[in-house]
Amino acid sequence: MAAEGRLVFVAGQIGWNAACRFESDDFVAQTRRALANVVAVLAEAGAKPEHIVRMTRYVTDKREYLSRGREVGRCSAS
């Protein structure tokens, strides 16, 4: 991998809002919110999602993650 410019490291984004409250207990809704949080942090640094080099997701329910993969994929694309 080759890159130029500055590096921005984003970590610890979870599915809650700016008031640190979960708006939903739904897995996909929390995934959507966590990804929106990542986008917001990137924007503060002048970056966009297309600048992400690597992303690691940690989930508490692997079965739900796998069974709802298409829905999660749509969150990632929006």
C-alpha atoms as a PDB file:
ATOM      1  CA  MET A   1       0.000   0.000   0.000  1.00  0.00           C
ATOM      2  CA  ALA A   2       1.225   3.467  -0.779  1.00  0.00           C
ATOM      3  CA  ALA A   3      -0.311   6.678   0.498  1.00  0.00           C
ATOM      4  CA  GLU A   4       0.503  10.349   0.752  1.00  0.00           C
ATOM      5  CA  GLY A   5      -0.722  12.991   3.146  1.00  0.00           C
ATOM      6  CA  ARG A   6      -1.724  12.800   6.770  1.00  0.00           C
ATOM      7  CA  LEU A   7      -3.229   9.856   8.574  1.00  0.00           C
ATOM      8  CA  VAL A   8      -6.468   9.975  10.539  1.00  0.00           C
ATOM      9  CA  PHE A   9      -7.218   7.136  12.937  1.00  0.00           C
ATOM     10  CA  VAL A  10     -10.846   6.662  13.973  1.00  0.00           C
ATOM     11  CA  ALA A  11     -11.744   4.151  16.676  1.00  0.00           C
ATOM     12  CA  GLY A  12     -14.486   3.307  19.115  1.00  0.00           C
ATOM     13  CA  GLN A  13     -17.483   4.404  17.078  1.00  0.00           C
ATOM     14  CA  ILE A  14     -20.641   2.690  18.235  1.00  0.00           C
ATOM     15  CA  GLY A  15     -24.328   2.903  17.360  1.00  0.00           C
ATOM     16  CA  TRP A  16     -25.348   5.801  19.546  1.00  0.00           C
ATOM     17  CA  ASN A  17     -26.136   9.416  18.747  1.00  0.00           C
ATOM     18  CA  ALA A  18     -24.328  12.647  19.683  1.00  0.00           C
ATOM     19  CA  ALA A  19     -26.099  12.635  23.064  1.00  0.00           C
ATOM     20  CA  CYS A  20     -24.595   9.169  23.777  1.00  0.00           C
ATOM     21  CA  ARG A  21     -27.997   7.512  23.565  1.00  0.00           C
ATOM     22  CA  PHE A  22     -29.013   4.500  21.549  1.00  0.00           C
ATOM     23  CA  GLU A  23     -31.976   5.422  19.360  1.00  0.00           C
ATOM     24  CA  SER A  24     -32.739   1.778  18.603  1.00  0.00           C
ATOM     25  CA  ASP A  25     -31.829  -1.680  19.802  1.00  0.00           C
ATOM     26  CA  ASP A  26     -31.979  -2.949  16.202  1.00  0.00           C
ATOM     27  CA  PHE A  27     -28.657  -4.290  14.928  1.00  0.00           C
ATOM     28  CA  VAL A  28     -28.882  -2.689  11.485  1.00  0.00           C
ATOM     29  CA  ALA A  29     -30.015   0.679  12.867  1.00  0.00           C
ATOM     30  CA  GLN A  30     -27.049   0.713  15.237  1.00  0.00           C
ATOM     31  CA  THR A  31     -24.723  -0.267  12.385  1.00  0.00           C
ATOM     32  CA  ARG A  32     -26.077   2.606  10.292  1.00  0.00           C
ATOM     33  CA  ARG A  33     -25.555   5.038  13.197  1.00  0.00           C
ATOM     34  CA  ALA A  34     -22.019   3.784  13.901  1.00  0.00           C
ATOM     35  CA  LEU A  35     -21.075   4.256  10.257  1.00  0.00           C
ATOM     36  CA  ALA A  36     -22.612   7.744  10.280  1.00  0.00           C
ATOM     37  CA  ASN A  37     -20.468   8.493  13.334  1.00  0.00           C
ATOM     38  CA  VAL A  38     -17.367   7.403  11.422  1.00  0.00           C
ATOM     39  CA  VAL A  39     -18.323   9.689   8.530  1.00  0.00           C
ATOM     40  CA  ALA A  40     -18.805  12.608  10.945  1.00  0.00           C
ATOM     41  CA  VAL A  41     -15.373  12.098  12.508  1.00  0.00           C
ATOM     42  CA  LEU A  42     -13.777  11.845   9.077  1.00  0.00           C
ATOM     43  CA  ALA A  43     -15.485  15.081   8.022  1.00  0.00           C
ATOM     44  CA  GLU A  44     -13.985  16.875  11.027  1.00  0.00           C
ATOM     45  CA  ALA A  45     -10.576  15.887   9.679  1.00  0.00           C
ATOM     46  CA  GLY A  46     -11.430  16.915   6.113  1.00  0.00           C
ATOM     47  CA  ALA A  47     -11.719  13.308   4.924  1.00  0.00           C
ATOM     48  CA  LYS A  48     -14.473  11.229   3.338  1.00  0.00           C
ATOM     49  CA  PRO A  49     -15.445   7.535   3.379  1.00  0.00           C
ATOM     50  CA  GLU A  50     -13.539   6.916   0.149  1.00  0.00           C
ATOM     51  CA  HIS A  51     -10.352   7.756   2.047  1.00  0.00           C
ATOM     52  CA  ILE A  52     -10.772   4.787   4.412  1.00  0.00           C
ATOM     53  CA  VAL A  53      -7.964   2.293   3.955  1.00  0.00           C
ATOM     54  CA  ARG A  54      -9.065  -0.330   6.453  1.00  0.00           C
ATOM     55  CA  MET A  55     -12.033  -0.885   8.722  1.00  0.00           C
ATOM     56  CA  THR A  56     -12.509  -3.502  11.416  1.00  0.00           C
ATOM     57  CA  ARG A  57     -15.950  -4.185  12.841  1.00  0.00           C
ATOM     58  CA  TYR A  58     -16.566  -5.804  16.184  1.00  0.00           C
ATOM     59  CA  VAL A  59     -19.990  -7.313  16.780  1.00  0.00           C
ATOM     60  CA  THR A  60     -21.550  -8.914  19.822  1.00  0.00           C
ATOM     61  CA  ASP A  61     -23.841 -11.238  17.873  1.00  0.00           C
ATOM     62  CA  LYS A  62     -22.074 -12.926  14.968  1.00  0.00           C
ATOM     63  CA  ARG A  63     -25.170 -14.883  13.960  1.00  0.00           C
ATOM     64  CA  GLU A  64     -27.242 -11.728  13.577  1.00  0.00           C
ATOM     65  CA  TYR A  65     -24.420 -10.024  11.682  1.00  0.00           C
ATOM     66  CA  LEU A  66     -24.226 -12.922   9.236  1.00  0.00           C
ATOM     67  CA  SER A  67     -27.989 -13.320   8.866  1.00  0.00           C
ATOM     68  CA  ARG A  68     -28.496  -9.612   8.168  1.00  0.00           C
ATOM     69  CA  GLY A  69     -25.499  -9.172   5.902  1.00  0.00           C
ATOM     70  CA  ARG A  70     -27.444  -7.700   2.989  1.00  0.00           C
ATOM     71  CA  GLU A  71     -29.000  -5.055   5.221  1.00  0.00           C
ATOM     72  CA  VAL A  72     -25.621  -4.227   6.739  1.00  0.00           C
ATOM     73  CA  GLY A  73     -24.185  -3.961   3.234  1.00  0.00           C
ATOM     74  CA  ARG A  74     -26.824  -1.415   2.301  1.00  0.00           C
ATOM     75  CA  CYS A  75     -25.796   0.655   5.355  1.00  0.00           C
ATOM     76  CA  SER A  76     -22.212   0.632   4.151  1.00  0.00           C
ATOM     77  CA  ALA A  77     -23.204   1.772   0.674  1.00  0.00           C
ATOM     78  CA  SER A  78     -25.326   4.715   1.792  1.00  0.00           C
END
